Amino acid sequence: MVTVRRLYVDTNVFIRLFEGSDELADHLRDLFLAERNGGEPFLTTSELTLAELLVNPYRRNDDKMIQIYDNWTLTNSALEVGPVNRYVLWYAAVLRSQFQSLKLPDAIHLSTAIHFRCSHFLTADKGIDDHYELMHQRFGIIKGPVRIDILRPDIDVVKHLVDEAGR
């Protein structure tokens, strides 16, 4: 299996974690509760995730889920949450210029993952390709390449990620 230095978690993974009631959701809980042996948190996401997570709970007037999502999208020892800032938006634009089918929210998520130096991105979104490589030039200076590989959340992958998180 692959070595994962740092993992970006997409919105759909949070939804499965907190609203799912199957074996995969159980393994995702293990991943989010895994203790990292020092250093920066293993998991990352964007503040954009909160905005995406809150839509359905607000539609359902579900204050409990609103609070859960609000609490779990704060930077803590297990998860680092990145802002949607100028740097992230810049690289989102570069990604969209190179991958024209990429939607802006997905580009923001991928850009945040690149900003956090994630090696992998966990998502069930089939509209996201298997990997992205970002390289661009500005003012004659070439930046990159930066590569991020996509992982799909199935039981074997998540079990492996739990092991990786503990390293």
Protein backbone atom coordinates (compact mmCIF):
# COMPACT_ATOMS: atom_id res chain seq x y z
CA MET A 1 0.00 0.00 0.00
CA VAL A 2 1.03 3.63 -0.33
CA THR A 3 2.80 5.80 2.21
CA VAL A 4 0.65 8.77 3.18
CA ARG A 5 2.55 11.71 4.65
CA ARG A 6 -0.48 13.88 5.25
CA LEU A 7 -4.13 13.38 4.26
CA TYR A 8 -6.73 15.88 3.10
CA VAL A 9 -10.31 14.91 3.96
CA ASP A 10 -13.12 15.96 1.60
CA THR A 11 -16.58 17.00 2.77
CA ASN A 12 -18.25 13.73 1.73
CA VAL A 13 -15.95 11.83 4.11
CA PHE A 14 -17.15 13.94 7.05
CA ILE A 15 -20.75 13.26 6.08
CA ARG A 16 -20.13 9.50 5.94
CA LEU A 17 -18.28 9.67 9.26
CA PHE A 18 -20.98 11.52 11.18
CA GLU A 19 -24.14 10.46 9.39
CA GLY A 20 -23.21 6.91 8.36
CA SER A 21 -23.95 3.88 10.48
CA ASP A 22 -22.01 1.15 8.72
CA GLU A 23 -18.61 -0.51 9.00
CA LEU A 24 -16.94 2.14 6.84
CA ALA A 25 -18.23 4.91 9.13
CA ASP A 26 -16.79 2.97 12.10
CA HIS A 27 -13.35 2.82 10.44
CA LEU A 28 -13.55 6.52 9.58
CA ARG A 29 -14.15 7.21 13.28
CA ASP A 30 -10.97 5.26 14.03
CA LEU A 31 -9.12 7.43 11.52
CA PHE A 32 -10.35 10.69 13.04
CA LEU A 33 -9.50 9.50 16.54
CA ALA A 34 -6.08 8.03 15.68
CA GLU A 35 -3.25 9.51 17.69
CA ARG A 36 -0.32 10.87 15.71
CA ASN A 37 3.10 10.37 17.21
CA GLY A 38 4.08 14.04 17.45
CA GLY A 39 4.31 16.71 14.81
CA GLU A 40 1.53 18.30 12.80
CA PRO A 41 -1.91 16.70 12.54
CA PHE A 42 -2.18 13.88 9.97
CA LEU A 43 -5.58 15.06 8.71
CA THR A 44 -6.37 18.37 7.03
CA THR A 45 -9.39 20.06 5.48
CA SER A 46 -10.57 23.52 4.46
CA GLU A 47 -12.92 26.00 6.09
CA LEU A 48 -14.94 25.49 2.90
CA THR A 49 -15.79 22.04 4.28
CA LEU A 50 -17.80 23.65 7.08
CA ALA A 51 -19.89 25.66 4.59
CA GLU A 52 -20.61 22.50 2.60
CA LEU A 53 -21.37 20.41 5.69
CA LEU A 54 -23.89 22.84 7.19
CA VAL A 55 -26.28 23.03 4.22
CA ASN A 56 -28.38 19.92 4.91
CA PRO A 57 -28.44 20.24 8.72
CA TYR A 58 -29.74 23.80 8.28
CA ARG A 59 -32.38 22.57 5.83
CA ARG A 60 -33.45 19.97 8.41
CA ASN A 61 -33.17 22.40 11.35
CA ASP A 62 -30.82 19.85 12.90
CA ASP A 63 -29.03 21.83 15.62
CA LYS A 64 -27.22 18.72 16.87
CA MET A 65 -25.49 18.10 13.50
CA ILE A 66 -24.77 21.81 13.09
CA GLN A 67 -22.93 21.77 16.41
CA ILE A 68 -21.11 18.51 15.62
CA TYR A 69 -19.86 19.83 12.29
CA ASP A 70 -18.91 23.16 13.82
CA ASN A 71 -16.90 21.43 16.56
CA TRP A 72 -15.15 18.99 14.21
CA THR A 73 -14.05 21.62 11.70
CA LEU A 74 -11.83 23.49 14.13
CA THR A 75 -8.11 22.89 14.14
CA ASN A 76 -7.20 20.40 16.87
CA SER A 77 -4.55 17.74 17.53
CA ALA A 78 -6.04 15.39 14.90
CA LEU A 79 -7.11 17.85 12.19
CA GLU A 80 -5.75 21.08 10.76
CA VAL A 81 -8.32 23.35 9.08
CA GLY A 82 -7.08 25.81 6.48
CA PRO A 83 -8.57 29.15 5.51
CA VAL A 84 -9.77 30.05 2.05
CA ASN A 85 -7.20 32.77 1.46
CA ARG A 86 -5.51 34.42 -1.49
CA TYR A 87 -2.84 31.70 -1.74
CA VAL A 88 -5.48 28.93 -1.88
CA LEU A 89 -7.55 30.84 -4.44
CA TRP A 90 -4.48 31.48 -6.58
CA TYR A 91 -3.65 27.78 -6.86
CA ALA A 92 -7.33 26.91 -7.32
CA ALA A 93 -7.27 29.12 -10.41
CA VAL A 94 -4.08 27.44 -11.66
CA LEU A 95 -5.67 24.00 -11.16
CA ARG A 96 -8.81 25.03 -13.03
CA SER A 97 -6.71 26.42 -15.88
CA GLN A 98 -5.00 23.03 -16.24
CA PHE A 99 -7.99 20.77 -15.45
CA GLN A 100 -10.96 22.40 -17.11
CA SER A 101 -13.60 19.97 -15.80
CA LEU A 102 -12.60 20.74 -12.19
CA LYS A 103 -15.28 22.67 -10.29
CA LEU A 104 -14.23 25.67 -8.20
CA PRO A 105 -15.08 24.11 -4.79
CA ASP A 106 -13.07 21.00 -5.68
CA ALA A 107 -10.18 23.17 -6.88
CA ILE A 108 -10.26 25.04 -3.56
CA HIS A 109 -10.14 21.74 -1.66
CA LEU A 110 -7.25 20.46 -3.79
CA SER A 111 -5.40 23.77 -3.49
CA THR A 112 -5.76 23.66 0.30
CA ALA A 113 -4.38 20.11 0.27
CA ILE A 114 -1.39 21.27 -1.76
CA HIS A 115 -0.89 24.21 0.61
CA PHE A 116 -0.79 21.74 3.55
CA ARG A 117 1.73 19.54 1.69
CA CYS A 118 -0.68 16.60 1.64
CA SER A 119 0.44 13.60 -0.35
CA HIS A 120 -3.11 12.25 -0.63
CA PHE A 121 -6.72 13.42 -0.79
CA LEU A 122 -9.55 11.21 0.51
CA THR A 123 -12.85 11.61 -1.35
CA ALA A 124 -15.79 9.64 -2.69
CA ASP A 125 -16.40 12.30 -5.35
CA LYS A 126 -16.18 10.56 -8.71
CA GLY A 127 -15.81 13.94 -10.44
CA ILE A 128 -12.31 14.19 -9.00
CA ASP A 129 -9.60 12.43 -11.03
CA ASP A 130 -7.16 9.87 -9.59
CA HIS A 131 -4.31 12.38 -9.26
CA TYR A 132 -3.38 15.96 -10.02
CA GLU A 133 -0.02 17.43 -10.84
CA LEU A 134 0.34 21.16 -10.54
CA MET A 135 3.09 23.05 -12.33
CA HIS A 136 2.96 26.63 -13.53
CA GLN A 137 5.11 29.53 -14.52
CA ARG A 138 4.85 33.13 -13.46
CA PHE A 139 7.38 35.88 -14.12
CA GLY A 140 9.63 33.29 -15.74
CA ILE A 141 9.83 31.18 -12.58
CA ILE A 142 8.57 27.60 -12.85
CA LYS A 143 6.88 26.26 -9.73
CA GLY A 144 6.22 22.59 -9.23
CA PRO A 145 5.57 19.96 -10.06
CA VAL A 146 3.43 19.19 -7.05
CA ARG A 147 1.48 15.93 -7.17
CA ILE A 148 -1.47 14.83 -5.07
CA ASP A 149 -2.99 11.37 -5.34
CA ILE A 150 -6.64 10.64 -4.70
CA LEU A 151 -7.78 7.83 -2.41
CA ARG A 152 -11.34 6.50 -2.31
CA PRO A 153 -12.83 5.69 1.09
CA ASP A 154 -13.33 1.94 1.28
CA ILE A 155 -12.71 -0.25 4.31
CA ASP A 156 -9.23 -1.47 3.28
CA VAL A 157 -8.03 2.03 2.38
CA VAL A 158 -9.33 3.53 5.63
CA LYS A 159 -7.78 0.73 7.73
CA HIS A 160 -4.44 1.47 6.04
CA LEU A 161 -4.89 5.19 6.73
CA VAL A 162 -5.52 4.48 10.42
CA ASP A 163 -2.14 2.69 10.50
CA GLU A 164 -0.47 5.58 8.65
CA ALA A 165 -1.97 8.13 11.04
CA GLY A 166 -0.33 6.41 14.00
CA ARG A 167 3.19 6.71 12.57
